[in-house]
Amino acid sequence: MTASRLCLPQAIDDEYLTGAGEPPGEQPPGTIAIIGCYIEAVRLQDIIGQFLAPINHHLESGRASSWCVKGDLNLKTVLEIDRLLDDWRFNLPVHLRIETYQSGQGAELGQRQQRLMLLERQANVLTARFLHARLTLLRPGLSVLCAADAEHGPRTGSMDREMVIKAANMCLSATEALVDLLSSNMDPQADRLPAPWYNVFY
């Protein structure tokens, strides 16, 4: 499974675009494009769609998906999608990484304060979406583990069980990280996340 081909716009903000018959617009050197967040969000949504589409298809057809069937977790698919998520996060530009602002290095981006505030908000939003995608991907592993323990009692030693345990632990870790991220940005004066409904969404 690989990332699908997307036709994405160039990272040029609207105010620098030109009309027909004019030279192509360019993002000014040293000015980070705000639209970059949208481009990365589309890439992430494409990955999310790869594991949600089969589930939705089976739900619409009234059949159970092998993704969620009790005791049957498609670990190969989980590993492939998780790799795509990791690649997406690894390739994020530095100005869209939450670590840039948590470490106090945002000022090194050389942007005006208002633009820097927007970039930090975008980094928070993309991090929240990434964590939500990861916990959604791994949640079936947690469900399978809980269902198996409830029916047969805890078992140890098998490779598939150890992999499911790892997936379940990563799901819980992603959930905790998401809660911590949202909780740390609840201050309405900080303006790091968008409107309050976005917090409710998660």
Protein backbone atom coordinates (compact mmCIF):
# COMPACT_ATOMS: atom_id res chain seq x y z
CA MET A 1 0.00 0.00 0.00
CA THR A 2 1.42 3.37 -1.01
CA ALA A 3 0.38 6.99 -0.90
CA SER A 4 -1.91 7.74 -3.83
CA ARG A 5 -1.09 10.36 -6.42
CA LEU A 6 -2.55 13.72 -5.52
CA CYS A 7 -2.80 16.87 -7.57
CA LEU A 8 -1.86 19.45 -4.96
CA PRO A 9 -1.51 23.22 -5.33
CA GLN A 10 1.82 24.97 -5.01
CA ALA A 11 2.59 26.53 -1.66
CA ILE A 12 1.69 30.06 -2.76
CA ASP A 13 -0.73 32.15 -0.70
CA ASP A 14 -3.74 33.71 -2.41
CA GLU A 15 -2.45 37.28 -2.25
CA TYR A 16 0.54 36.34 -4.40
CA LEU A 17 -1.40 34.56 -7.15
CA THR A 18 -1.72 36.25 -10.54
CA GLY A 19 -4.40 36.32 -13.22
CA ALA A 20 -4.51 35.10 -16.79
CA GLY A 21 -1.83 36.61 -19.01
CA GLU A 22 0.33 37.63 -16.07
CA PRO A 23 3.61 36.08 -14.96
CA PRO A 24 3.18 33.13 -12.59
CA GLY A 25 2.81 34.10 -8.95
CA GLU A 26 5.54 33.32 -6.46
CA GLN A 27 5.72 33.11 -2.70
CA PRO A 28 8.10 35.84 -1.49
CA PRO A 29 11.43 34.43 -0.26
CA GLY A 30 11.48 34.17 3.50
CA THR A 31 7.68 34.27 3.84
CA ILE A 32 6.26 30.89 4.83
CA ALA A 33 3.04 30.05 2.97
CA ILE A 34 -0.05 29.69 5.14
CA ILE A 35 -1.58 27.35 2.56
CA GLY A 36 1.10 24.77 3.39
CA CYS A 37 -1.10 23.50 6.23
CA TYR A 38 -3.92 22.79 3.79
CA ILE A 39 -1.58 20.87 1.50
CA GLU A 40 -0.34 18.68 4.35
CA ALA A 41 -3.88 18.18 5.64
CA VAL A 42 -4.94 16.87 2.22
CA ARG A 43 -2.00 14.46 2.19
CA LEU A 44 -2.95 13.21 5.64
CA GLN A 45 -6.61 12.88 4.72
CA ASP A 46 -5.61 10.78 1.71
CA ILE A 47 -3.84 8.34 4.04
CA ILE A 48 -6.81 8.28 6.43
CA GLY A 49 -9.11 7.51 3.51
CA GLN A 50 -7.09 4.42 2.66
CA PHE A 51 -8.11 2.67 5.87
CA LEU A 52 -11.56 4.22 6.32
CA ALA A 53 -12.81 3.50 2.80
CA PRO A 54 -12.88 -0.33 3.20
CA ILE A 55 -14.64 0.01 6.56
CA ASN A 56 -17.29 2.33 5.14
CA HIS A 57 -17.77 0.05 2.13
CA HIS A 58 -18.44 -2.97 4.33
CA LEU A 59 -20.75 -1.00 6.59
CA GLU A 60 -22.80 0.19 3.60
CA SER A 61 -23.01 -3.34 2.23
CA GLY A 62 -24.09 -4.73 5.60
CA ARG A 63 -21.08 -7.04 5.84
CA ALA A 64 -18.48 -7.14 8.58
CA SER A 65 -15.07 -5.78 7.67
CA SER A 66 -12.05 -8.00 8.30
CA TRP A 67 -10.51 -4.86 9.76
CA CYS A 68 -12.76 -5.02 12.80
CA VAL A 69 -13.97 -8.60 13.03
CA LYS A 70 -13.59 -9.95 16.56
CA GLY A 71 -10.27 -11.76 16.85
CA ASP A 72 -9.24 -10.87 13.30
CA LEU A 73 -7.08 -7.79 12.90
CA ASN A 74 -5.36 -7.20 9.59
CA LEU A 75 -1.94 -6.43 11.03
CA LYS A 76 -0.31 -6.17 7.61
CA THR A 77 -2.64 -3.34 6.65
CA VAL A 78 -2.15 -1.65 10.02
CA LEU A 79 1.63 -1.73 9.60
CA GLU A 80 1.45 -0.34 6.07
CA ILE A 81 -0.86 2.53 7.00
CA ASP A 82 1.12 3.31 10.14
CA ARG A 83 4.26 3.55 8.01
CA LEU A 84 2.52 6.04 5.73
CA LEU A 85 1.49 8.08 8.78
CA ASP A 86 5.06 8.05 10.08
CA ASP A 87 6.42 9.08 6.67
CA TRP A 88 3.90 11.94 6.52
CA ARG A 89 4.94 13.22 9.94
CA PHE A 90 8.67 12.80 9.21
CA ASN A 91 8.35 14.86 6.02
CA LEU A 92 6.43 17.75 7.59
CA PRO A 93 8.14 21.13 7.11
CA VAL A 94 9.76 22.39 10.29
CA HIS A 95 7.22 25.23 10.63
CA LEU A 96 4.37 22.68 10.82
CA ARG A 97 5.96 20.55 13.53
CA ILE A 98 4.68 21.11 17.04
CA GLU A 99 8.16 20.42 18.43
CA THR A 100 9.40 23.64 16.81
CA TYR A 101 7.18 25.71 19.09
CA GLN A 102 7.37 23.50 22.16
CA SER A 103 11.16 23.88 22.13
CA GLY A 104 10.93 27.65 21.73
CA GLN A 105 12.49 27.64 18.26
CA GLY A 106 9.54 29.30 16.51
CA ALA A 107 11.26 32.69 16.55
CA GLU A 108 14.05 31.22 14.40
CA LEU A 109 11.59 30.94 11.51
CA GLY A 110 11.93 34.69 10.99
CA GLN A 111 8.21 35.41 10.59
CA ARG A 112 6.09 38.30 11.82
CA GLN A 113 4.33 37.64 15.14
CA GLN A 114 0.86 37.29 13.61
CA ARG A 115 2.05 34.84 10.97
CA LEU A 116 4.04 32.93 13.57
CA MET A 117 0.90 32.61 15.69
CA LEU A 118 -1.00 31.17 12.70
CA LEU A 119 1.81 28.73 11.94
CA GLU A 120 1.83 27.50 15.53
CA ARG A 121 -1.92 27.00 15.39
CA GLN A 122 -1.52 25.03 12.17
CA ALA A 123 1.14 22.83 13.77
CA ASN A 124 -1.22 22.10 16.65
CA VAL A 125 -4.08 21.27 14.30
CA LEU A 126 -2.00 18.92 12.15
CA THR A 127 -0.60 17.20 15.24
CA ALA A 128 -4.12 16.68 16.57
CA ARG A 129 -5.25 15.23 13.25
CA PHE A 130 -2.23 12.94 13.09
CA LEU A 131 -2.83 11.62 16.60
CA HIS A 132 -6.54 11.16 15.90
CA ALA A 133 -5.71 9.24 12.72
CA ARG A 134 -3.25 7.00 14.55
CA LEU A 135 -5.59 6.14 17.41
CA THR A 136 -8.40 5.46 14.91
CA LEU A 137 -6.09 3.14 12.97
CA LEU A 138 -4.95 1.25 16.08
CA ARG A 139 -8.21 1.18 18.04
CA PRO A 140 -9.35 -2.14 16.50
CA GLY A 141 -6.23 -3.69 18.03
CA LEU A 142 -7.31 -2.54 21.46
CA SER A 143 -10.81 -3.88 20.85
CA VAL A 144 -9.50 -7.25 19.67
CA LEU A 145 -7.23 -7.53 22.70
CA CYS A 146 -9.98 -6.69 25.19
CA ALA A 147 -12.46 -9.05 23.53
CA ALA A 148 -9.96 -11.93 23.47
CA ASP A 149 -9.02 -11.46 27.14
CA ALA A 150 -12.67 -11.27 28.14
CA GLU A 151 -13.50 -14.51 26.33
CA HIS A 152 -10.43 -16.64 26.90
CA GLY A 153 -8.46 -14.85 29.61
CA PRO A 154 -4.97 -13.34 29.14
CA ARG A 155 -2.65 -15.40 26.97
CA THR A 156 1.04 -14.83 26.37
CA GLY A 157 3.74 -16.05 24.04
CA SER A 158 2.19 -15.83 20.57
CA MET A 159 3.66 -13.39 18.09
CA ASP A 160 0.30 -12.14 16.81
CA ARG A 161 -0.84 -11.37 20.36
CA GLU A 162 2.36 -9.46 21.12
CA MET A 163 1.83 -7.38 17.97
CA VAL A 164 -1.78 -6.67 18.94
CA ILE A 165 -0.60 -5.64 22.42
CA LYS A 166 1.89 -3.26 20.82
CA ALA A 167 -0.87 -1.77 18.65
CA ALA A 168 -3.13 -1.39 21.69
CA ASN A 169 -0.39 0.35 23.69
CA MET A 170 0.35 2.72 20.81
CA CYS A 171 -3.38 3.48 20.57
CA LEU A 172 -3.46 4.43 24.25
CA SER A 173 -0.29 6.50 23.89
CA ALA A 174 -1.76 8.41 20.94
CA THR A 175 -4.94 9.02 22.93
CA GLU A 176 -3.00 10.37 25.90
CA ALA A 177 -0.89 12.60 23.65
CA LEU A 178 -4.02 13.97 21.98
CA VAL A 179 -5.68 14.74 25.31
CA ASP A 180 -2.49 16.42 26.55
CA LEU A 181 -2.23 18.49 23.37
CA LEU A 182 -5.79 19.74 23.54
CA SER A 183 -5.64 20.33 27.29
CA SER A 184 -2.47 22.39 26.99
CA ASN A 185 -4.12 24.64 24.40
CA MET A 186 -7.46 25.26 26.06
CA ASP A 187 -6.52 28.78 27.16
CA PRO A 188 -8.76 31.03 25.00
CA GLN A 189 -6.17 33.80 25.20
CA ALA A 190 -3.50 31.65 23.55
CA ASP A 191 -5.44 31.32 20.26
CA ARG A 192 -3.38 28.31 19.23
CA LEU A 193 -6.31 26.14 18.18
CA PRO A 194 -9.30 27.21 16.08
CA ALA A 195 -12.84 27.68 17.37
CA PRO A 196 -14.01 25.69 20.45
CA TRP A 197 -15.97 23.22 18.31
CA TYR A 198 -12.67 21.82 17.07
CA ASN A 199 -11.85 20.64 20.60
CA VAL A 200 -15.29 19.06 20.86
CA PHE A 201 -14.67 17.24 17.57
CA TYR A 202 -11.86 15.34 19.25
